[in-house]
Amino acid sequence: NSNQSKHGVFTAKPETLSNDFFVNLLDMRTEWKSTDDGNSFEGRDRTTGDLKWTATRVDLIFGSNSRLRALAEVYASADGKAKFVNDFIAAWNKVMQLDRFDLK
């Protein structure tokens, strides 16, 4: 994340390509609430109240927008890790080759 921000880092393994973001975003054991400044959110354990994650509105849109939520649920599913990694690789490859006219 920009400037090593903790917002949107929903994993214990930062800098590792995984579906943890989606799994932890949609985890029903986490309750999301706006902070006092209204610009960020805290995800707290519903049972203990312990702070688990912090997020911005941009991070949480994957759980609130119906189309993005559908994708997030696929990637967060038990067998979604491989799909996420494969989709990410395909998208990355496409973006990296968009201006490579010498390859076509």
PDB file of N, CA and C in Angstrom:
ATOM      1  N   ASN A   1       0.828  -1.191   0.000  1.00  0.00           N
ATOM      2  CA  ASN A   1       0.000   0.000   0.000  1.00  0.00           C
ATOM      3  C   ASN A   1       0.868   1.249   0.000  1.00  0.00           C
ATOM      4  N   SER A   2       0.277   2.319  -0.449  1.00  0.00           N
ATOM      5  CA  SER A   2       0.988   3.584  -0.518  1.00  0.00           C
ATOM      6  C   SER A   2       1.459   4.018   0.867  1.00  0.00           C
ATOM      7  N   ASN A   3       2.700   4.391   0.964  1.00  0.00           N
ATOM      8  CA  ASN A   3       3.300   4.851   2.221  1.00  0.00           C
ATOM      9  C   ASN A   3       3.148   3.839   3.351  1.00  0.00           C
ATOM     10  N   GLN A   4       3.114   2.556   3.000  1.00  0.00           N
ATOM     11  CA  GLN A   4       3.001   1.472   3.986  1.00  0.00           C
ATOM     12  C   GLN A   4       1.740   1.574   4.854  1.00  0.00           C
ATOM     13  N   SER A   5       0.680   2.138   4.299  1.00  0.00           N
ATOM     14  CA  SER A   5      -0.590   2.242   5.021  1.00  0.00           C
ATOM     15  C   SER A   5      -1.113   0.855   5.367  1.00  0.00           C
ATOM     16  N   LYS A   6      -1.731   0.733   6.529  1.00  0.00           N
ATOM     17  CA  LYS A   6      -2.321  -0.539   6.957  1.00  0.00           C
ATOM     18  C   LYS A   6      -3.753  -0.688   6.450  1.00  0.00           C
ATOM     19  N   HIS A   7      -4.333   0.393   5.912  1.00  0.00           N
ATOM     20  CA  HIS A   7      -5.702   0.317   5.400  1.00  0.00           C
ATOM     21  C   HIS A   7      -5.767  -0.677   4.246  1.00  0.00           C
ATOM     22  N   GLY A   8      -6.728  -1.582   4.319  1.00  0.00           N
ATOM     23  CA  GLY A   8      -6.950  -2.524   3.229  1.00  0.00           C
ATOM     24  C   GLY A   8      -6.005  -3.706   3.186  1.00  0.00           C
ATOM     25  N   VAL A   9      -5.160  -3.841   4.185  1.00  0.00           N
ATOM     26  CA  VAL A   9      -4.264  -4.996   4.242  1.00  0.00           C
ATOM     27  C   VAL A   9      -4.942  -6.036   5.133  1.00  0.00           C
ATOM     28  N   PHE A  10      -5.811  -6.839   4.524  1.00  0.00           N
ATOM     29  CA  PHE A  10      -6.606  -7.816   5.269  1.00  0.00           C
ATOM     30  C   PHE A  10      -5.921  -9.179   5.228  1.00  0.00           C
ATOM     31  N   THR A  11      -4.700  -9.223   5.703  1.00  0.00           N
ATOM     32  CA  THR A  11      -3.932 -10.468   5.676  1.00  0.00           C
ATOM     33  C   THR A  11      -2.828 -10.423   6.719  1.00  0.00           C
ATOM     34  N   ALA A  12      -2.412 -11.601   7.138  1.00  0.00           N
ATOM     35  CA  ALA A  12      -1.244 -11.724   8.011  1.00  0.00           C
ATOM     36  C   ALA A  12       0.022 -11.919   7.177  1.00  0.00           C
ATOM     37  N   LYS A  13      -0.151 -11.991   5.837  1.00  0.00           N
ATOM     38  CA  LYS A  13       0.986 -12.228   4.935  1.00  0.00           C
ATOM     39  C   LYS A  13       1.074 -11.123   3.891  1.00  0.00           C
ATOM     40  N   PRO A  14       1.376  -9.887   4.293  1.00  0.00           N
ATOM     41  CA  PRO A  14       1.468  -8.818   3.294  1.00  0.00           C
ATOM     42  C   PRO A  14       2.546  -9.121   2.256  1.00  0.00           C
ATOM     43  N   GLU A  15       2.357  -8.562   1.073  1.00  0.00           N
ATOM     44  CA  GLU A  15       3.280  -8.733  -0.051  1.00  0.00           C
ATOM     45  C   GLU A  15       3.271 -10.151  -0.614  1.00  0.00           C
ATOM     46  N   THR A  16       2.212 -10.910  -0.314  1.00  0.00           N
ATOM     47  CA  THR A  16       2.031 -12.252  -0.855  1.00  0.00           C
ATOM     48  C   THR A  16       0.738 -12.264  -1.649  1.00  0.00           C
ATOM     49  N   LEU A  17       0.777 -12.771  -2.871  1.00  0.00           N
ATOM     50  CA  LEU A  17      -0.429 -12.841  -3.691  1.00  0.00           C
ATOM     51  C   LEU A  17      -1.327 -13.957  -3.165  1.00  0.00           C
ATOM     52  N   SER A  18      -2.464 -13.573  -2.609  1.00  0.00           N
ATOM     53  CA  SER A  18      -3.421 -14.545  -2.077  1.00  0.00           C
ATOM     54  C   SER A  18      -4.815 -13.929  -2.130  1.00  0.00           C
ATOM     55  N   ASN A  19      -5.811 -14.725  -1.808  1.00  0.00           N
ATOM     56  CA  ASN A  19      -7.187 -14.241  -1.766  1.00  0.00           C
ATOM     57  C   ASN A  19      -7.586 -13.786  -0.362  1.00  0.00           C
ATOM     58  N   ASP A  20      -6.628 -13.600   0.528  1.00  0.00           N
ATOM     59  CA  ASP A  20      -6.913 -13.211   1.912  1.00  0.00           C
ATOM     60  C   ASP A  20      -7.755 -11.944   2.003  1.00  0.00           C
ATOM     61  N   PHE A  21      -7.511 -10.976   1.131  1.00  0.00           N
ATOM     62  CA  PHE A  21      -8.288  -9.731   1.146  1.00  0.00           C
ATOM     63  C   PHE A  21      -9.776 -10.047   1.090  1.00  0.00           C
ATOM     64  N   PHE A  22     -10.181 -10.897   0.166  1.00  0.00           N
ATOM     65  CA  PHE A  22     -11.596 -11.216  -0.023  1.00  0.00           C
ATOM     66  C   PHE A  22     -12.134 -12.080   1.114  1.00  0.00           C
ATOM     67  N   VAL A  23     -11.347 -13.052   1.556  1.00  0.00           N
ATOM     68  CA  VAL A  23     -11.760 -13.923   2.655  1.00  0.00           C
ATOM     69  C   VAL A  23     -12.029 -13.094   3.906  1.00  0.00           C
ATOM     70  N   ASN A  24     -11.105 -12.215   4.252  1.00  0.00           N
ATOM     71  CA  ASN A  24     -11.236 -11.434   5.481  1.00  0.00           C
ATOM     72  C   ASN A  24     -12.229 -10.289   5.351  1.00  0.00           C
ATOM     73  N   LEU A  25     -12.377  -9.731   4.167  1.00  0.00           N
ATOM     74  CA  LEU A  25     -13.379  -8.689   3.946  1.00  0.00           C
ATOM     75  C   LEU A  25     -14.780  -9.230   4.210  1.00  0.00           C
ATOM     76  N   LEU A  26     -15.050 -10.439   3.762  1.00  0.00           N
ATOM     77  CA  LEU A  26     -16.392 -11.014   3.858  1.00  0.00           C
ATOM     78  C   LEU A  26     -16.605 -11.880   5.099  1.00  0.00           C
ATOM     79  N   ASP A  27     -15.607 -11.981   5.950  1.00  0.00           N
ATOM     80  CA  ASP A  27     -15.711 -12.790   7.167  1.00  0.00           C
ATOM     81  C   ASP A  27     -16.802 -12.224   8.075  1.00  0.00           C
ATOM     82  N   MET A  28     -17.827 -13.013   8.344  1.00  0.00           N
ATOM     83  CA  MET A  28     -18.960 -12.546   9.152  1.00  0.00           C
ATOM     84  C   MET A  28     -18.600 -12.373  10.626  1.00  0.00           C
ATOM     85  N   ARG A  29     -17.417 -12.815  11.031  1.00  0.00           N
ATOM     86  CA  ARG A  29     -16.976 -12.590  12.410  1.00  0.00           C
ATOM     87  C   ARG A  29     -16.413 -11.183  12.594  1.00  0.00           C
ATOM     88  N   THR A  30     -16.325 -10.435  11.492  1.00  0.00           N
ATOM     89  CA  THR A  30     -15.812  -9.065  11.533  1.00  0.00           C
ATOM     90  C   THR A  30     -16.962  -8.087  11.358  1.00  0.00           C
ATOM     91  N   GLU A  31     -17.014  -7.088  12.229  1.00  0.00           N
ATOM     92  CA  GLU A  31     -18.016  -6.021  12.132  1.00  0.00           C
ATOM     93  C   GLU A  31     -17.300  -4.729  11.733  1.00  0.00           C
ATOM     94  N   TRP A  32     -17.760  -4.127  10.638  1.00  0.00           N
ATOM     95  CA  TRP A  32     -17.140  -2.905  10.120  1.00  0.00           C
ATOM     96  C   TRP A  32     -17.898  -1.687  10.612  1.00  0.00           C
ATOM     97  N   LYS A  33     -17.153  -0.708  11.155  1.00  0.00           N
ATOM     98  CA  LYS A  33     -17.753   0.550  11.602  1.00  0.00           C
ATOM     99  C   LYS A  33     -16.860   1.713  11.198  1.00  0.00           C
ATOM    100  N   SER A  34     -17.504   2.833  10.902  1.00  0.00           N
ATOM    101  CA  SER A  34     -16.787   4.050  10.542  1.00  0.00           C
ATOM    102  C   SER A  34     -16.026   4.582  11.752  1.00  0.00           C
ATOM    103  N   THR A  35     -14.858   5.157  11.502  1.00  0.00           N
ATOM    104  CA  THR A  35     -14.106   5.798  12.581  1.00  0.00           C
ATOM    105  C   THR A  35     -14.667   7.197  12.815  1.00  0.00           C
ATOM    106  N   ASP A  36     -14.204   7.855  13.852  1.00  0.00           N
ATOM    107  CA  ASP A  36     -14.706   9.187  14.195  1.00  0.00           C
ATOM    108  C   ASP A  36     -14.478  10.206  13.088  1.00  0.00           C
ATOM    109  N   ASP A  37     -13.380  10.061  12.347  1.00  0.00           N
ATOM    110  CA  ASP A  37     -13.110  11.031  11.280  1.00  0.00           C
ATOM    111  C   ASP A  37     -13.967  10.780  10.040  1.00  0.00           C
ATOM    112  N   GLY A  38     -14.608   9.610   9.959  1.00  0.00           N
ATOM    113  CA  GLY A  38     -15.494   9.298   8.845  1.00  0.00           C
ATOM    114  C   GLY A  38     -14.788   8.935   7.555  1.00  0.00           C
ATOM    115  N   ASN A  39     -13.462   8.954   7.564  1.00  0.00           N
ATOM    116  CA  ASN A  39     -12.703   8.662   6.346  1.00  0.00           C
ATOM    117  C   ASN A  39     -12.170   7.239   6.282  1.00  0.00           C
ATOM    118  N   SER A  40     -12.235   6.532   7.381  1.00  0.00           N
ATOM    119  CA  SER A  40     -11.754   5.152   7.397  1.00  0.00           C
ATOM    120  C   SER A  40     -12.687   4.306   8.260  1.00  0.00           C
ATOM    121  N   PHE A  41     -12.438   3.014   8.226  1.00  0.00           N
ATOM    122  CA  PHE A  41     -13.300   2.068   8.924  1.00  0.00           C
ATOM    123  C   PHE A  41     -12.447   1.090   9.709  1.00  0.00           C
ATOM    124  N   GLU A  42     -13.023   0.575  10.791  1.00  0.00           N
ATOM    125  CA  GLU A  42     -12.363  -0.444  11.589  1.00  0.00           C
ATOM    126  C   GLU A  42     -13.169  -1.733  11.503  1.00  0.00           C
ATOM    127  N   GLY A  43     -12.470  -2.819  11.307  1.00  0.00           N
ATOM    128  CA  GLY A  43     -13.086  -4.142  11.332  1.00  0.00           C
ATOM    129  C   GLY A  43     -12.728  -4.798  12.649  1.00  0.00           C
ATOM    130  N   ARG A  44     -13.738  -5.002  13.481  1.00  0.00           N
ATOM    131  CA  ARG A  44     -13.504  -5.573  14.812  1.00  0.00           C
ATOM    132  C   ARG A  44     -14.148  -6.944  14.936  1.00  0.00           C
ATOM    133  N   ASP A  45     -13.517  -7.792  15.728  1.00  0.00           N
ATOM    134  CA  ASP A  45     -14.063  -9.112  16.013  1.00  0.00           C
ATOM    135  C   ASP A  45     -15.402  -8.936  16.728  1.00  0.00           C
ATOM    136  N   ARG A  46     -16.458  -9.562  16.210  1.00  0.00           N
ATOM    137  CA  ARG A  46     -17.799  -9.404  16.785  1.00  0.00           C
ATOM    138  C   ARG A  46     -17.885  -9.926  18.219  1.00  0.00           C
ATOM    139  N   THR A  47     -17.078 -10.914  18.571  1.00  0.00           N
ATOM    140  CA  THR A  47     -17.135 -11.508  19.901  1.00  0.00           C
ATOM    141  C   THR A  47     -16.301 -10.737  20.912  1.00  0.00           C
ATOM    142  N   THR A  48     -15.050 -10.466  20.569  1.00  0.00           N
ATOM    143  CA  THR A  48     -14.126  -9.851  21.528  1.00  0.00           C
ATOM    144  C   THR A  48     -14.050  -8.335  21.414  1.00  0.00           C
ATOM    145  N   GLY A  49     -14.405  -7.802  20.255  1.00  0.00           N
ATOM    146  CA  GLY A  49     -14.271  -6.369  20.022  1.00  0.00           C
ATOM    147  C   GLY A  49     -12.866  -5.948  19.639  1.00  0.00           C
ATOM    148  N   ASP A  50     -11.960  -6.916  19.518  1.00  0.00           N
ATOM    149  CA  ASP A  50     -10.574  -6.609  19.149  1.00  0.00           C
ATOM    150  C   ASP A  50     -10.499  -6.089  17.717  1.00  0.00           C
ATOM    151  N   LEU A  51      -9.640  -5.097  17.507  1.00  0.00           N
ATOM    152  CA  LEU A  51      -9.415  -4.548  16.173  1.00  0.00           C
ATOM    153  C   LEU A  51      -8.657  -5.567  15.330  1.00  0.00           C
ATOM    154  N   LYS A  52      -9.223  -5.900  14.164  1.00  0.00           N
ATOM    155  CA  LYS A  52      -8.580  -6.855  13.261  1.00  0.00           C
ATOM    156  C   LYS A  52      -7.989  -6.160  12.047  1.00  0.00           C
ATOM    157  N   TRP A  53      -8.760  -5.231  11.432  1.00  0.00           N
ATOM    158  CA  TRP A  53      -8.357  -4.596  10.180  1.00  0.00           C
ATOM    159  C   TRP A  53      -8.790  -3.140  10.161  1.00  0.00           C
ATOM    160  N   THR A  54      -8.153  -2.357   9.297  1.00  0.00           N
ATOM    161  CA  THR A  54      -8.627  -1.009   8.998  1.00  0.00           C
ATOM    162  C   THR A  54      -8.809  -0.912   7.488  1.00  0.00           C
ATOM    163  N   ALA A  55      -9.735  -0.050   7.071  1.00  0.00           N
ATOM    164  CA  ALA A  55     -10.073   0.020   5.647  1.00  0.00           C
ATOM    165  C   ALA A  55     -10.511   1.422   5.267  1.00  0.00           C
ATOM    166  N   THR A  56     -10.539   1.649   3.960  1.00  0.00           N
ATOM    167  CA  THR A  56     -11.111   2.871   3.397  1.00  0.00           C
ATOM    168  C   THR A  56     -12.414   2.492   2.696  1.00  0.00           C
ATOM    169  N   ARG A  57     -13.139   3.491   2.232  1.00  0.00           N
ATOM    170  CA  ARG A  57     -14.371   3.224   1.475  1.00  0.00           C
ATOM    171  C   ARG A  57     -14.077   2.409   0.217  1.00  0.00           C
ATOM    172  N   VAL A  58     -12.941   2.681  -0.387  1.00  0.00           N
ATOM    173  CA  VAL A  58     -12.564   1.961  -1.607  1.00  0.00           C
ATOM    174  C   VAL A  58     -12.406   0.469  -1.314  1.00  0.00           C
ATOM    175  N   ASP A  59     -11.790   0.121  -0.193  1.00  0.00           N
ATOM    176  CA  ASP A  59     -11.631  -1.288   0.173  1.00  0.00           C
ATOM    177  C   ASP A  59     -12.983  -1.958   0.379  1.00  0.00           C
ATOM    178  N   LEU A  60     -13.878  -1.267   1.067  1.00  0.00           N
ATOM    179  CA  LEU A  60     -15.160  -1.872   1.434  1.00  0.00           C
ATOM    180  C   LEU A  60     -16.159  -1.930   0.292  1.00  0.00           C
ATOM    181  N   ILE A  61     -15.895  -1.238  -0.805  1.00  0.00           N
ATOM    182  CA  ILE A  61     -16.826  -1.280  -1.938  1.00  0.00           C
ATOM    183  C   ILE A  61     -16.937  -2.699  -2.496  1.00  0.00           C
ATOM    184  N   PHE A  62     -15.892  -3.507  -2.310  1.00  0.00           N
ATOM    185  CA  PHE A  62     -15.945  -4.893  -2.784  1.00  0.00           C
ATOM    186  C   PHE A  62     -16.972  -5.723  -2.007  1.00  0.00           C
ATOM    187  N   GLY A  63     -17.395  -5.239  -0.871  1.00  0.00           N
ATOM    188  CA  GLY A  63     -18.430  -5.935  -0.111  1.00  0.00           C
ATOM    189  C   GLY A  63     -19.793  -5.308  -0.246  1.00  0.00           C
ATOM    190  N   SER A  64     -19.855  -4.050  -0.677  1.00  0.00           N
ATOM    191  CA  SER A  64     -21.146  -3.349  -0.715  1.00  0.00           C
ATOM    192  C   SER A  64     -21.754  -3.221  -2.110  1.00  0.00           C
ATOM    193  N   ASN A  65     -20.947  -3.186  -3.150  1.00  0.00           N
ATOM    194  CA  ASN A  65     -21.459  -3.108  -4.518  1.00  0.00           C
ATOM    195  C   ASN A  65     -21.835  -4.517  -4.975  1.00  0.00           C
ATOM    196  N   SER A  66     -23.046  -4.686  -5.506  1.00  0.00           N
ATOM    197  CA  SER A  66     -23.535  -6.037  -5.819  1.00  0.00           C
ATOM    198  C   SER A  66     -22.658  -6.777  -6.828  1.00  0.00           C
ATOM    199  N   ARG A  67     -22.195  -6.110  -7.850  1.00  0.00           N
ATOM    200  CA  ARG A  67     -21.362  -6.788  -8.857  1.00  0.00           C
ATOM    201  C   ARG A  67     -19.988  -7.151  -8.297  1.00  0.00           C
ATOM    202  N   LEU A  68     -19.391  -6.213  -7.563  1.00  0.00           N
ATOM    203  CA  LEU A  68     -18.087  -6.499  -6.972  1.00  0.00           C
ATOM    204  C   LEU A  68     -18.206  -7.539  -5.861  1.00  0.00           C
ATOM    205  N   ARG A  69     -19.326  -7.509  -5.131  1.00  0.00           N
ATOM    206  CA  ARG A  69     -19.558  -8.491  -4.062  1.00  0.00           C
ATOM    207  C   ARG A  69     -19.615  -9.907  -4.646  1.00  0.00           C
ATOM    208  N   ALA A  70     -20.278 -10.053  -5.788  1.00  0.00           N
ATOM    209  CA  ALA A  70     -20.364 -11.372  -6.423  1.00  0.00           C
ATOM    210  C   ALA A  70     -18.970 -11.909  -6.752  1.00  0.00           C
ATOM    211  N   LEU A  71     -18.110 -11.060  -7.291  1.00  0.00           N
ATOM    212  CA  LEU A  71     -16.732 -11.482  -7.580  1.00  0.00           C
ATOM    213  C   LEU A  71     -15.970 -11.788  -6.295  1.00  0.00           C
ATOM    214  N   ALA A  72     -16.161 -10.936  -5.281  1.00  0.00           N
ATOM    215  CA  ALA A  72     -15.476 -11.143  -4.005  1.00  0.00           C
ATOM    216  C   ALA A  72     -15.871 -12.480  -3.390  1.00  0.00           C
ATOM    217  N   GLU A  73     -17.141 -12.850  -3.501  1.00  0.00           N
ATOM    218  CA  GLU A  73     -17.590 -14.125  -2.941  1.00  0.00           C
ATOM    219  C   GLU A  73     -16.968 -15.312  -3.671  1.00  0.00           C
ATOM    220  N   VAL A  74     -16.809 -15.197  -4.978  1.00  0.00           N
ATOM    221  CA  VAL A  74     -16.141 -16.267  -5.737  1.00  0.00           C
ATOM    222  C   VAL A  74     -14.698 -16.389  -5.266  1.00  0.00           C
ATOM    223  N   TYR A  75     -13.992 -15.271  -5.186  1.00  0.00           N
ATOM    224  CA  TYR A  75     -12.585 -15.307  -4.785  1.00  0.00           C
ATOM    225  C   TYR A  75     -12.405 -15.709  -3.321  1.00  0.00           C
ATOM    226  N   ALA A  76     -13.387 -15.443  -2.472  1.00  0.00           N
ATOM    227  CA  ALA A  76     -13.287 -15.777  -1.052  1.00  0.00           C
ATOM    228  C   ALA A  76     -13.691 -17.215  -0.754  1.00  0.00           C
ATOM    229  N   SER A  77     -14.284 -17.898  -1.718  1.00  0.00           N
ATOM    230  CA  SER A  77     -14.763 -19.262  -1.479  1.00  0.00           C
ATOM    231  C   SER A  77     -13.601 -20.211  -1.196  1.00  0.00           C
ATOM    232  N   ALA A  78     -13.949 -21.382  -0.680  1.00  0.00           N
ATOM    233  CA  ALA A  78     -12.933 -22.365  -0.296  1.00  0.00           C
ATOM    234  C   ALA A  78     -12.015 -22.731  -1.459  1.00  0.00           C
ATOM    235  N   ASP A  79     -12.550 -22.770  -2.662  1.00  0.00           N
ATOM    236  CA  ASP A  79     -11.722 -23.105  -3.822  1.00  0.00           C
ATOM    237  C   ASP A  79     -11.411 -21.877  -4.683  1.00  0.00           C
ATOM    238  N   GLY A  80     -11.549 -20.690  -4.118  1.00  0.00           N
ATOM    239  CA  GLY A  80     -11.372 -19.460  -4.875  1.00  0.00           C
ATOM    240  C   GLY A  80      -9.948 -18.960  -5.012  1.00  0.00           C
ATOM    241  N   LYS A  81      -9.030 -19.504  -4.224  1.00  0.00           N
ATOM    242  CA  LYS A  81      -7.654 -18.997  -4.266  1.00  0.00           C
ATOM    243  C   LYS A  81      -7.026 -19.176  -5.650  1.00  0.00           C
ATOM    244  N   ALA A  82      -7.161 -20.365  -6.222  1.00  0.00           N
ATOM    245  CA  ALA A  82      -6.571 -20.623  -7.540  1.00  0.00           C
ATOM    246  C   ALA A  82      -7.224 -19.743  -8.604  1.00  0.00           C
ATOM    247  N   LYS A  83      -8.538 -19.565  -8.527  1.00  0.00           N
ATOM    248  CA  LYS A  83      -9.233 -18.716  -9.499  1.00  0.00           C
ATOM    249  C   LYS A  83      -8.733 -17.280  -9.394  1.00  0.00           C
ATOM    250  N   PHE A  84      -8.592 -16.776  -8.169  1.00  0.00           N
ATOM    251  CA  PHE A  84      -8.095 -15.416  -7.983  1.00  0.00           C
ATOM    252  C   PHE A  84      -6.698 -15.262  -8.585  1.00  0.00           C
ATOM    253  N   VAL A  85      -5.809 -16.174  -8.268  1.00  0.00           N
ATOM    254  CA  VAL A  85      -4.433 -16.087  -8.769  1.00  0.00           C
ATOM    255  C   VAL A  85      -4.418 -16.155 -10.292  1.00  0.00           C
ATOM    256  N   ASN A  86      -5.168 -17.079 -10.873  1.00  0.00           N
ATOM    257  CA  ASN A  86      -5.206 -17.202 -12.335  1.00  0.00           C
ATOM    258  C   ASN A  86      -5.806 -15.967 -12.996  1.00  0.00           C
ATOM    259  N   ASP A  87      -6.891 -15.426 -12.428  1.00  0.00           N
ATOM    260  CA  ASP A  87      -7.500 -14.210 -12.979  1.00  0.00           C
ATOM    261  C   ASP A  87      -6.553 -13.020 -12.861  1.00  0.00           C
ATOM    262  N   PHE A  88      -5.845 -12.926 -11.731  1.00  0.00           N
ATOM    263  CA  PHE A  88      -4.892 -11.839 -11.533  1.00  0.00           C
ATOM    264  C   PHE A  88      -3.771 -11.923 -12.567  1.00  0.00           C
ATOM    265  N   ILE A  89      -3.247 -13.111 -12.764  1.00  0.00           N
ATOM    266  CA  ILE A  89      -2.164 -13.293 -13.738  1.00  0.00           C
ATOM    267  C   ILE A  89      -2.626 -12.910 -15.137  1.00  0.00           C
ATOM    268  N   ALA A  90      -3.824 -13.336 -15.507  1.00  0.00           N
ATOM    269  CA  ALA A  90      -4.356 -13.014 -16.842  1.00  0.00           C
ATOM    270  C   ALA A  90      -4.527 -11.508 -17.014  1.00  0.00           C
ATOM    271  N   ALA A  91      -5.066 -10.841 -15.987  1.00  0.00           N
ATOM    272  CA  ALA A  91      -5.264  -9.387 -16.067  1.00  0.00           C
ATOM    273  C   ALA A  91      -3.917  -8.663 -16.108  1.00  0.00           C
ATOM    274  N   TRP A  92      -2.984  -9.082 -15.271  1.00  0.00           N
ATOM    275  CA  TRP A  92      -1.654  -8.464 -15.248  1.00  0.00           C
ATOM    276  C   TRP A  92      -0.970  -8.613 -16.601  1.00  0.00           C
ATOM    277  N   ASN A  93      -1.030  -9.799 -17.156  1.00  0.00           N
ATOM    278  CA  ASN A  93      -0.420 -10.064 -18.458  1.00  0.00           C
ATOM    279  C   ASN A  93      -1.039  -9.173 -19.537  1.00  0.00           C
ATOM    280  N   LYS A  94      -2.347  -9.042 -19.514  1.00  0.00           N
ATOM    281  CA  LYS A  94      -3.039  -8.209 -20.504  1.00  0.00           C
ATOM    282  C   LYS A  94      -2.602  -6.748 -20.391  1.00  0.00           C
ATOM    283  N   VAL A  95      -2.570  -6.230 -19.176  1.00  0.00           N
ATOM    284  CA  VAL A  95      -2.177  -4.833 -18.963  1.00  0.00           C
ATOM    285  C   VAL A  95      -0.724  -4.607 -19.375  1.00  0.00           C
ATOM    286  N   MET A  96       0.149  -5.528 -19.036  1.00  0.00           N
ATOM    287  CA  MET A  96       1.567  -5.368 -19.342  1.00  0.00           C
ATOM    288  C   MET A  96       1.854  -5.437 -20.840  1.00  0.00           C
ATOM    289  N   GLN A  97       0.946  -6.030 -21.614  1.00  0.00           N
ATOM    290  CA  GLN A  97       1.182  -6.162 -23.046  1.00  0.00           C
ATOM    291  C   GLN A  97       0.351  -5.209 -23.897  1.00  0.00           C
ATOM    292  N   LEU A  98      -0.430  -4.338 -23.287  1.00  0.00           N
ATOM    293  CA  LEU A  98      -1.300  -3.448 -24.052  1.00  0.00           C
ATOM    294  C   LEU A  98      -0.545  -2.537 -25.018  1.00  0.00           C
ATOM    295  N   ASP A  99       0.634  -2.093 -24.653  1.00  0.00           N
ATOM    296  CA  ASP A  99       1.382  -1.201 -25.549  1.00  0.00           C
ATOM    297  C   ASP A  99       2.526  -1.921 -26.261  1.00  0.00           C
ATOM    298  N   ARG A 100       2.501  -3.237 -26.224  1.00  0.00           N
ATOM    299  CA  ARG A 100       3.558  -4.029 -26.866  1.00  0.00           C
ATOM    300  C   ARG A 100       3.109  -4.450 -28.258  1.00  0.00           C
ATOM    301  N   PHE A 101       3.082  -3.483 -29.163  1.00  0.00           N
ATOM    302  CA  PHE A 101       2.642  -3.752 -30.527  1.00  0.00           C
ATOM    303  C   PHE A 101       3.611  -4.670 -31.266  1.00  0.00           C
ATOM    304  N   ASP A 102       4.839  -4.744 -30.770  1.00  0.00           N
ATOM    305  CA  ASP A 102       5.826  -5.616 -31.398  1.00  0.00           C
ATOM    306  C   ASP A 102       5.532  -7.101 -31.165  1.00  0.00           C
ATOM    307  N   LEU A 103       4.635  -7.405 -30.222  1.00  0.00           N
ATOM    308  CA  LEU A 103       4.303  -8.797 -29.920  1.00  0.00           C
ATOM    309  C   LEU A 103       3.145  -9.326 -30.746  1.00  0.00           C
ATOM    310  N   LYS A 104       2.444  -8.440 -31.461  1.00  0.00           N
ATOM    311  CA  LYS A 104       1.241  -8.869 -32.174  1.00  0.00           C
ATOM    312  C   LYS A 104       1.517  -9.222 -33.589  1.00  0.00           C
TER     313      LYS A 104
END
